[in-house]
Amino acid sequence: MKTLSDQLTRKRLLALLAFSLMALATPTMAQVYNTGDIAVINNIIDKNGLKLTKAATNGYSVPTDWTNIVSWSTGQTGG
């Protein structure tokens, strides 16, 4: 026969598993930008001496000073 401690441990593990699955199923709020586009824009900033902040290359965010300068659209990129 299982002890009360074993039953509580099993319930905790199941609750943790359920929570983890829900977290994985929830879409992230961060928009992901095309890393190739970011590389091109960062290169334009470098080559032209622009006074803009370069974006991180991971594609998870762009600098706020790009607002009203760089616009994004959805859809496939060339390739």
N, C-alpha and C. Protein backbone atom coordinates (compact mmCIF):
# COMPACT_ATOMS: atom_id res chain seq x y z
N MET A 1 0.84 -1.18 0.00
CA MET A 1 0.00 0.00 0.00
C MET A 1 0.89 1.25 0.00
N LYS A 2 0.48 2.22 -0.79
CA LYS A 2 1.24 3.46 -0.90
C LYS A 2 0.97 4.34 0.31
N THR A 3 2.02 5.01 0.75
CA THR A 3 1.87 5.92 1.87
C THR A 3 1.29 7.24 1.39
N LEU A 4 0.84 8.03 2.33
CA LEU A 4 0.30 9.35 2.01
C LEU A 4 1.39 10.21 1.35
N SER A 5 2.62 10.08 1.81
CA SER A 5 3.73 10.84 1.24
C SER A 5 3.95 10.48 -0.23
N ASP A 6 3.88 9.17 -0.56
CA ASP A 6 4.03 8.73 -1.94
C ASP A 6 2.92 9.29 -2.82
N GLN A 7 1.70 9.29 -2.31
CA GLN A 7 0.56 9.80 -3.07
C GLN A 7 0.71 11.31 -3.32
N LEU A 8 1.15 12.05 -2.30
CA LEU A 8 1.33 13.50 -2.48
C LEU A 8 2.46 13.79 -3.46
N THR A 9 3.53 13.01 -3.39
CA THR A 9 4.64 13.21 -4.32
C THR A 9 4.19 12.95 -5.75
N ARG A 10 3.41 11.91 -5.95
CA ARG A 10 2.89 11.60 -7.29
C ARG A 10 1.98 12.73 -7.79
N LYS A 11 1.14 13.26 -6.91
CA LYS A 11 0.24 14.36 -7.30
C LYS A 11 1.04 15.61 -7.65
N ARG A 12 2.08 15.87 -6.88
CA ARG A 12 2.93 17.04 -7.17
C ARG A 12 3.61 16.89 -8.53
N LEU A 13 4.12 15.70 -8.80
CA LEU A 13 4.78 15.46 -10.08
C LEU A 13 3.81 15.60 -11.25
N LEU A 14 2.60 15.08 -11.08
CA LEU A 14 1.60 15.21 -12.14
C LEU A 14 1.21 16.67 -12.35
N ALA A 15 1.08 17.42 -11.25
CA ALA A 15 0.75 18.84 -11.37
C ALA A 15 1.88 19.60 -12.06
N LEU A 16 3.12 19.28 -11.72
CA LEU A 16 4.26 19.92 -12.36
C LEU A 16 4.32 19.59 -13.85
N LEU A 17 4.05 18.35 -14.18
CA LEU A 17 4.03 17.94 -15.58
C LEU A 17 2.94 18.67 -16.35
N ALA A 18 1.75 18.77 -15.76
CA ALA A 18 0.64 19.46 -16.41
C ALA A 18 0.98 20.93 -16.62
N PHE A 19 1.56 21.56 -15.61
CA PHE A 19 1.95 22.97 -15.73
C PHE A 19 3.00 23.15 -16.82
N SER A 20 3.97 22.27 -16.87
CA SER A 20 5.02 22.35 -17.88
C SER A 20 4.45 22.22 -19.29
N LEU A 21 3.53 21.28 -19.46
CA LEU A 21 2.91 21.10 -20.78
C LEU A 21 2.11 22.33 -21.19
N MET A 22 1.41 22.94 -20.23
CA MET A 22 0.65 24.15 -20.55
C MET A 22 1.59 25.28 -20.94
N ALA A 23 2.72 25.40 -20.24
CA ALA A 23 3.67 26.45 -20.56
C ALA A 23 4.25 26.26 -21.96
N LEU A 24 4.51 25.02 -22.33
CA LEU A 24 5.04 24.75 -23.66
C LEU A 24 4.01 25.01 -24.75
N ALA A 25 2.75 24.79 -24.44
CA ALA A 25 1.69 24.96 -25.43
C ALA A 25 1.29 26.42 -25.61
N THR A 26 1.65 27.27 -24.66
CA THR A 26 1.28 28.68 -24.74
C THR A 26 2.24 29.40 -25.67
N PRO A 27 1.70 30.09 -26.68
CA PRO A 27 2.58 30.80 -27.59
C PRO A 27 3.28 31.94 -26.88
N THR A 28 4.49 32.24 -27.30
CA THR A 28 5.23 33.33 -26.68
C THR A 28 4.69 34.66 -27.18
N MET A 29 4.86 35.67 -26.39
CA MET A 29 4.39 36.99 -26.76
C MET A 29 5.41 37.74 -27.62
N ALA A 30 6.65 37.30 -27.60
CA ALA A 30 7.69 37.99 -28.35
C ALA A 30 7.58 37.68 -29.84
N GLN A 31 7.64 38.72 -30.62
CA GLN A 31 7.63 38.55 -32.06
C GLN A 31 9.02 38.13 -32.49
N VAL A 32 9.10 37.21 -33.41
CA VAL A 32 10.40 36.77 -33.91
C VAL A 32 10.61 37.39 -35.29
N TYR A 33 11.68 38.14 -35.39
CA TYR A 33 12.01 38.81 -36.65
C TYR A 33 12.96 37.94 -37.46
N ASN A 34 12.93 38.09 -38.75
CA ASN A 34 13.80 37.32 -39.64
C ASN A 34 15.25 37.71 -39.38
N THR A 35 16.07 36.73 -39.01
CA THR A 35 17.46 37.01 -38.67
C THR A 35 18.26 37.48 -39.89
N GLY A 36 17.88 37.02 -41.06
CA GLY A 36 18.53 37.49 -42.28
C GLY A 36 18.25 38.96 -42.53
N ASP A 37 17.00 39.38 -42.29
CA ASP A 37 16.64 40.79 -42.43
C ASP A 37 17.43 41.64 -41.44
N ILE A 38 17.52 41.15 -40.21
CA ILE A 38 18.25 41.90 -39.18
C ILE A 38 19.72 42.05 -39.58
N ALA A 39 20.31 40.98 -40.11
CA ALA A 39 21.72 41.05 -40.54
C ALA A 39 21.90 42.10 -41.62
N VAL A 40 20.97 42.16 -42.57
CA VAL A 40 21.07 43.15 -43.65
C VAL A 40 20.95 44.56 -43.09
N ILE A 41 19.97 44.78 -42.21
CA ILE A 41 19.77 46.12 -41.64
C ILE A 41 20.97 46.52 -40.79
N ASN A 42 21.48 45.60 -39.97
CA ASN A 42 22.68 45.90 -39.18
C ASN A 42 23.85 46.27 -40.09
N ASN A 43 23.98 45.59 -41.22
CA ASN A 43 25.04 45.89 -42.18
C ASN A 43 24.85 47.28 -42.79
N ILE A 44 23.62 47.63 -43.11
CA ILE A 44 23.33 48.97 -43.65
C ILE A 44 23.72 50.03 -42.63
N ILE A 45 23.42 49.78 -41.36
CA ILE A 45 23.79 50.72 -40.29
C ILE A 45 25.31 50.90 -40.25
N ASP A 46 26.04 49.77 -40.30
CA ASP A 46 27.51 49.82 -40.26
C ASP A 46 28.10 50.53 -41.47
N LYS A 47 27.67 50.12 -42.64
CA LYS A 47 28.27 50.62 -43.90
C LYS A 47 28.00 52.10 -44.14
N ASN A 48 26.88 52.60 -43.58
CA ASN A 48 26.50 53.99 -43.85
C ASN A 48 26.68 54.91 -42.65
N GLY A 49 27.26 54.38 -41.58
CA GLY A 49 27.52 55.21 -40.40
C GLY A 49 26.26 55.79 -39.78
N LEU A 50 25.16 55.06 -39.87
CA LEU A 50 23.90 55.56 -39.32
C LEU A 50 23.92 55.58 -37.80
N LYS A 51 23.23 56.53 -37.24
CA LYS A 51 23.16 56.65 -35.79
C LYS A 51 21.96 55.87 -35.25
N LEU A 52 21.91 54.59 -35.60
CA LEU A 52 20.86 53.68 -35.12
C LEU A 52 21.50 52.57 -34.32
N THR A 53 20.76 52.06 -33.38
CA THR A 53 21.21 50.92 -32.59
C THR A 53 21.11 49.66 -33.43
N LYS A 54 22.15 48.84 -33.40
CA LYS A 54 22.07 47.56 -34.11
C LYS A 54 21.27 46.57 -33.27
N ALA A 55 20.52 45.72 -33.95
CA ALA A 55 19.68 44.72 -33.28
C ALA A 55 20.50 43.48 -32.92
N ALA A 56 20.06 42.79 -31.89
CA ALA A 56 20.64 41.49 -31.57
C ALA A 56 20.36 40.54 -32.73
N THR A 57 21.29 39.67 -33.02
CA THR A 57 21.17 38.81 -34.20
C THR A 57 20.23 37.62 -34.00
N ASN A 58 19.71 37.41 -32.79
CA ASN A 58 18.85 36.26 -32.54
C ASN A 58 17.43 36.43 -33.06
N GLY A 59 17.03 37.65 -33.42
CA GLY A 59 15.71 37.87 -34.00
C GLY A 59 14.57 38.03 -33.02
N TYR A 60 14.85 38.10 -31.72
CA TYR A 60 13.76 38.18 -30.75
C TYR A 60 13.32 39.61 -30.44
N SER A 61 14.10 40.58 -30.85
CA SER A 61 13.70 41.96 -30.62
C SER A 61 14.46 42.88 -31.56
N VAL A 62 13.92 44.07 -31.72
CA VAL A 62 14.61 45.11 -32.48
C VAL A 62 14.63 46.36 -31.61
N PRO A 63 15.62 47.22 -31.82
CA PRO A 63 15.72 48.43 -31.01
C PRO A 63 14.53 49.37 -31.22
N THR A 64 14.21 50.12 -30.20
CA THR A 64 13.07 51.04 -30.30
C THR A 64 13.34 52.17 -31.28
N ASP A 65 14.63 52.51 -31.52
CA ASP A 65 14.89 53.60 -32.46
C ASP A 65 14.67 53.18 -33.92
N TRP A 66 14.29 51.93 -34.15
CA TRP A 66 13.93 51.49 -35.49
C TRP A 66 12.46 51.82 -35.81
N THR A 67 11.69 52.17 -34.79
CA THR A 67 10.27 52.48 -34.98
C THR A 67 10.13 53.64 -35.97
N ASN A 68 9.23 53.50 -36.90
CA ASN A 68 8.96 54.47 -37.96
C ASN A 68 10.10 54.61 -38.97
N ILE A 69 11.13 53.76 -38.85
CA ILE A 69 12.21 53.76 -39.83
C ILE A 69 12.23 52.43 -40.58
N VAL A 70 12.07 51.34 -39.83
CA VAL A 70 12.04 50.00 -40.39
C VAL A 70 10.64 49.45 -40.22
N SER A 71 10.06 48.92 -41.29
CA SER A 71 8.73 48.32 -41.17
C SER A 71 8.82 46.84 -41.53
N TRP A 72 7.93 46.06 -40.94
CA TRP A 72 7.93 44.61 -41.11
C TRP A 72 6.61 44.17 -41.69
N SER A 73 6.66 43.14 -42.48
CA SER A 73 5.44 42.53 -43.01
C SER A 73 5.50 41.05 -42.77
N THR A 74 4.36 40.41 -42.82
CA THR A 74 4.31 38.96 -42.65
C THR A 74 4.45 38.29 -44.00
N GLY A 75 4.76 37.03 -43.98
CA GLY A 75 4.86 36.30 -45.22
C GLY A 75 6.26 35.74 -45.44
N GLN A 76 6.39 35.05 -46.52
CA GLN A 76 7.66 34.42 -46.84
C GLN A 76 8.68 35.44 -47.30
N THR A 77 9.93 35.13 -47.02
CA THR A 77 11.01 35.97 -47.52
C THR A 77 11.61 35.28 -48.73
N GLY A 78 12.31 36.04 -49.51
CA GLY A 78 12.96 35.46 -50.68
C GLY A 78 14.03 34.47 -50.29
N GLY A 79 14.38 33.61 -51.19
CA GLY A 79 15.41 32.67 -50.78
C GLY A 79 15.61 31.57 -51.70
